Amino acid sequence: MRSSNPVLKRLTKEEQIDFSYRMTVEGTINKTFILFMIVMGSAFVLWNRYLEGGVDAIGSWMWIGVIGGLIAALITSFAPRIAVVVAPVYAVFEGMVLGGLSAMYEQRYQGITIQAVGFTFGVFLVMLMIYRFRLIHITAPFRKMVVGATLGILLVYFVDLIMSFFGSQLTFIHNSSPLSILISLFVVGIAAFNFVLDFDMIEQGSKIGVPKYMEWYGAFSLIVTLVWLYVEILDLLRKLKDR
């Protein structure tokens, strides 16, 4: 069987035909739930630290989460075999980021966190239904478009991060102008389409019979997209409330 997914392409033929210990959709769902609960637990801890000590009590922890999450994500992306170990670590770091970020937004915009959570799960369910009923066909051009747009967004964010070290920013992605809101909507859309690629990767993996450790990689991919979508929706709501 052939696959257009680059991660699946890296697997050896022996790994792809090992049906005695293979990836399943059910197994991936279970591991996604485990990672999600780790994220929520870590976020709850940092949220409580914020309530007890304010912004000063979580600032350094959030930066640890950002840096640690980035390193864990890079390791898992290039070494899917060790996702069983690194993916839970990533979930802890990302929970720290989400807990602190959500608390800080909630302080300024009452009710924004629950709205962001609701919209995030709403988008997730919509994309799941779209994929389930094959309303979108995963073709090579579609995959390239989504991956290309995702890499482009990450590049812009990286440039903005570098500029922030020198006291500057790309204001058009941070202010609440109509252009900035349109950009946020575009980014939310790309993040949502990444769910479709994740679902496809998991389904392909289960059909081909890739090794069991790929369940952790599939779960990791879903959590990465879920975290990204939540942060983007949170920021979009912030822009709308500032209008």
Protein backbone atom coordinates (compact mmCIF):
# COMPACT_ATOMS: atom_id res chain seq x y z
CA MET A 1 0.00 0.00 0.00
CA ARG A 2 1.16 3.50 -0.76
CA SER A 3 0.66 6.57 1.37
CA SER A 4 1.10 10.27 0.64
CA ASN A 5 1.74 10.93 4.33
CA PRO A 6 5.46 11.68 4.85
CA VAL A 7 5.51 10.11 8.33
CA LEU A 8 4.05 6.85 7.06
CA LYS A 9 6.49 6.87 4.14
CA ARG A 10 9.43 6.81 6.58
CA LEU A 11 8.31 3.47 8.02
CA THR A 12 10.06 0.37 6.73
CA LYS A 13 8.17 -2.34 4.84
CA GLU A 14 8.62 -4.67 7.80
CA GLU A 15 7.00 -2.13 10.11
CA GLN A 16 4.08 -1.55 7.73
CA ILE A 17 3.14 -5.23 7.48
CA ASP A 18 3.45 -6.14 11.17
CA PHE A 19 -0.25 -6.83 11.81
CA SER A 20 0.46 -8.64 15.08
CA TYR A 21 1.12 -5.38 16.88
CA ARG A 22 -0.48 -2.67 14.81
CA MET A 23 -1.93 0.77 15.18
CA THR A 24 -5.72 1.02 15.59
CA VAL A 25 -8.13 3.94 15.54
CA GLU A 26 -9.52 2.91 18.93
CA GLY A 27 -6.04 2.75 20.45
CA THR A 28 -5.23 6.21 19.08
CA ILE A 29 -8.45 7.63 20.54
CA ASN A 30 -7.60 6.18 23.96
CA LYS A 31 -4.13 7.68 23.90
CA THR A 32 -5.50 11.02 22.72
CA PHE A 33 -7.78 11.03 25.74
CA ILE A 34 -4.80 10.29 28.01
CA LEU A 35 -2.80 13.19 26.55
CA PHE A 36 -5.81 15.48 26.76
CA MET A 37 -6.28 14.71 30.46
CA ILE A 38 -2.58 15.43 31.06
CA VAL A 39 -2.95 18.79 29.31
CA MET A 40 -6.02 19.62 31.39
CA GLY A 41 -4.35 18.57 34.65
CA SER A 42 -1.24 20.64 33.95
CA ALA A 43 -3.37 23.62 32.90
CA PHE A 44 -5.41 23.36 36.10
CA VAL A 45 -2.25 23.45 38.22
CA LEU A 46 -0.97 26.62 36.57
CA TRP A 47 -4.42 28.23 36.68
CA ASN A 48 -4.45 27.69 40.45
CA ARG A 49 -0.97 29.18 40.77
CA TYR A 50 -2.25 32.25 38.96
CA LEU A 51 -5.24 32.58 41.30
CA GLU A 52 -2.94 32.33 44.30
CA GLY A 53 -0.08 34.58 43.19
CA GLY A 54 -1.15 36.47 40.09
CA VAL A 55 0.85 36.95 36.88
CA ASP A 56 4.20 36.98 38.68
CA ALA A 57 3.58 33.42 39.88
CA ILE A 58 3.17 31.95 36.40
CA GLY A 59 5.32 34.01 34.04
CA SER A 60 8.45 31.86 34.28
CA TRP A 61 6.41 28.63 34.24
CA MET A 62 4.72 29.65 31.02
CA TRP A 63 8.08 30.26 29.34
CA ILE A 64 9.27 26.86 30.53
CA GLY A 65 6.13 25.41 28.98
CA VAL A 66 6.69 27.21 25.67
CA ILE A 67 10.33 26.17 25.34
CA GLY A 68 9.81 22.66 26.69
CA GLY A 69 6.76 22.10 24.49
CA LEU A 70 8.64 23.23 21.38
CA ILE A 71 11.57 20.91 22.09
CA ALA A 72 9.27 17.96 22.85
CA ALA A 73 7.25 18.61 19.68
CA LEU A 74 10.38 18.68 17.51
CA ILE A 75 11.72 15.47 19.05
CA THR A 76 8.41 13.66 18.57
CA SER A 77 8.03 14.90 14.99
CA PHE A 78 11.41 13.51 13.96
CA ALA A 79 11.35 10.40 16.14
CA PRO A 80 7.81 8.94 16.24
CA ARG A 81 9.13 5.78 17.92
CA ILE A 82 9.65 7.59 21.22
CA ALA A 83 6.30 9.39 21.16
CA VAL A 84 5.14 7.08 23.95
CA VAL A 85 7.63 8.87 26.22
CA VAL A 86 7.86 12.38 24.77
CA ALA A 87 4.19 12.98 23.90
CA PRO A 88 3.07 12.97 27.57
CA VAL A 89 5.95 15.35 28.38
CA TYR A 90 4.74 17.63 25.58
CA ALA A 91 1.22 17.49 27.05
CA VAL A 92 2.53 18.63 30.45
CA PHE A 93 4.38 21.59 28.94
CA GLU A 94 1.45 22.63 26.75
CA GLY A 95 -0.91 22.42 29.70
CA MET A 96 1.32 24.87 31.53
CA VAL A 97 1.10 27.28 28.60
CA LEU A 98 -2.66 26.95 28.18
CA GLY A 99 -3.38 27.24 31.89
CA GLY A 100 -1.39 30.43 32.27
CA LEU A 101 -2.56 31.96 29.00
CA SER A 102 -6.22 31.20 29.71
CA ALA A 103 -6.01 32.69 33.20
CA MET A 104 -4.43 35.88 31.92
CA TYR A 105 -7.05 36.30 29.19
CA GLU A 106 -9.85 35.52 31.63
CA GLN A 107 -8.69 38.25 33.98
CA ARG A 108 -9.19 40.87 31.28
CA TYR A 109 -12.09 39.34 29.35
CA GLN A 110 -14.53 37.58 31.65
CA GLY A 111 -15.98 34.45 30.08
CA ILE A 112 -13.55 34.30 27.17
CA THR A 113 -12.03 30.97 28.25
CA ILE A 114 -15.27 29.00 28.23
CA GLN A 115 -16.17 30.56 24.88
CA ALA A 116 -12.82 29.54 23.41
CA VAL A 117 -13.20 26.00 24.76
CA GLY A 118 -16.69 25.73 23.30
CA PHE A 119 -15.68 26.99 19.87
CA THR A 120 -12.60 24.74 19.83
CA PHE A 121 -14.55 21.56 20.48
CA GLY A 122 -17.26 22.73 18.10
CA VAL A 123 -14.73 23.11 15.28
CA PHE A 124 -13.20 19.74 16.17
CA LEU A 125 -16.57 17.98 15.92
CA VAL A 126 -17.45 19.74 12.66
CA MET A 127 -14.15 18.71 11.06
CA LEU A 128 -14.61 15.16 12.34
CA MET A 129 -18.04 15.01 10.69
CA ILE A 130 -16.69 16.54 7.48
CA TYR A 131 -14.00 13.86 7.37
CA ARG A 132 -16.34 11.05 8.43
CA PHE A 133 -18.79 11.77 5.62
CA ARG A 134 -16.00 12.44 3.11
CA LEU A 135 -17.10 16.00 2.36
CA ILE A 136 -13.42 16.76 1.79
CA HIS A 137 -11.20 14.46 -0.27
CA ILE A 138 -7.61 14.22 0.92
CA THR A 139 -5.71 14.66 -2.31
CA ALA A 140 -2.00 15.39 -2.73
CA PRO A 141 -2.67 19.04 -3.78
CA PHE A 142 -4.97 19.54 -0.77
CA ARG A 143 -2.36 18.13 1.58
CA LYS A 144 0.36 20.31 0.07
CA MET A 145 -1.85 23.39 0.36
CA VAL A 146 -2.60 22.84 4.06
CA VAL A 147 0.97 21.88 4.95
CA GLY A 148 2.36 24.82 2.96
CA ALA A 149 -0.03 27.29 4.61
CA THR A 150 0.80 25.86 8.05
CA LEU A 151 4.54 26.24 7.46
CA GLY A 152 3.97 29.79 6.20
CA ILE A 153 2.06 30.69 9.36
CA LEU A 154 4.78 29.20 11.55
CA LEU A 155 7.39 31.22 9.65
CA VAL A 156 5.47 34.46 10.25
CA TYR A 157 5.13 33.63 13.94
CA PHE A 158 8.85 32.84 14.15
CA VAL A 159 9.73 36.20 12.57
CA ASP A 160 7.38 37.94 15.01
CA LEU A 161 9.04 36.13 17.93
CA ILE A 162 12.51 37.20 16.80
CA MET A 163 11.32 40.79 16.37
CA SER A 164 9.87 40.78 19.89
CA PHE A 165 13.36 40.20 21.29
CA PHE A 166 14.30 43.59 19.81
CA GLY A 167 11.24 45.43 21.11
CA SER A 168 9.21 45.24 17.90
CA GLN A 169 6.29 43.20 16.55
CA LEU A 170 4.29 42.48 13.42
CA THR A 171 1.40 44.68 14.53
CA PHE A 172 -0.96 43.48 11.80
CA ILE A 173 -1.26 40.08 13.53
CA HIS A 174 -1.69 41.47 17.05
CA ASN A 175 -4.02 44.47 16.82
CA SER A 176 -7.79 44.28 16.46
CA SER A 177 -8.04 45.78 12.97
CA PRO A 178 -10.29 44.17 10.33
CA LEU A 179 -7.16 42.86 8.57
CA SER A 180 -5.89 41.27 11.76
CA ILE A 181 -9.27 39.61 12.39
CA LEU A 182 -9.31 38.25 8.83
CA ILE A 183 -5.81 36.87 9.33
CA SER A 184 -6.94 35.18 12.55
CA LEU A 185 -9.93 33.65 10.78
CA PHE A 186 -7.61 32.33 8.07
CA VAL A 187 -5.26 30.81 10.64
CA VAL A 188 -8.18 29.22 12.50
CA GLY A 189 -9.33 27.73 9.19
CA ILE A 190 -5.89 26.26 8.46
CA ALA A 191 -5.67 24.85 11.97
CA ALA A 192 -9.09 23.24 11.47
CA PHE A 193 -8.02 21.68 8.15
CA ASN A 194 -5.04 20.17 9.95
CA PHE A 195 -7.52 18.01 11.84
CA VAL A 196 -8.52 16.45 8.53
CA LEU A 197 -4.88 15.58 7.81
CA ASP A 198 -4.56 14.11 11.32
CA PHE A 199 -7.69 11.99 10.88
CA ASP A 200 -6.42 10.78 7.52
CA MET A 201 -3.00 9.88 8.91
CA ILE A 202 -4.59 7.86 11.72
CA GLU A 203 -6.97 6.05 9.36
CA GLN A 204 -4.21 5.28 6.86
CA GLY A 205 -1.96 4.02 9.62
CA SER A 206 -4.63 1.66 10.95
CA LYS A 207 -5.35 0.30 7.46
CA ILE A 208 -1.71 -0.20 6.52
CA GLY A 209 -0.91 -1.79 9.87
CA VAL A 210 1.85 0.50 11.12
CA PRO A 211 3.46 -0.28 14.52
CA LYS A 212 1.60 0.29 17.76
CA TYR A 213 3.83 3.21 18.77
CA MET A 214 2.25 5.24 15.97
CA GLU A 215 -0.90 5.46 18.10
CA TRP A 216 1.01 7.81 20.40
CA TYR A 217 2.23 9.79 17.41
CA GLY A 218 -1.33 10.09 16.06
CA ALA A 219 -2.57 11.19 19.48
CA PHE A 220 0.28 13.69 19.70
CA SER A 221 -0.66 15.14 16.31
CA LEU A 222 -4.28 15.63 17.38
CA ILE A 223 -3.27 17.33 20.63
CA VAL A 224 -0.87 19.65 18.80
CA THR A 225 -3.64 20.74 16.46
CA LEU A 226 -6.16 21.06 19.29
CA VAL A 227 -3.80 23.26 21.32
CA TRP A 228 -2.99 25.42 18.30
CA LEU A 229 -6.67 25.85 17.42
CA TYR A 230 -7.59 26.80 21.00
CA VAL A 231 -4.87 29.45 21.20
CA GLU A 232 -5.89 30.93 17.84
CA ILE A 233 -9.58 31.02 18.78
CA LEU A 234 -8.71 32.59 22.12
CA ASP A 235 -6.75 35.31 20.35
CA LEU A 236 -9.50 35.82 17.77
CA LEU A 237 -12.07 36.32 20.52
CA ARG A 238 -9.72 38.78 22.20
CA LYS A 239 -9.54 40.83 19.00
CA LEU A 240 -13.31 40.81 18.59
CA LYS A 241 -13.82 41.96 22.19
CA ASP A 242 -11.32 44.80 21.65
CA ARG A 243 -13.29 46.16 18.71
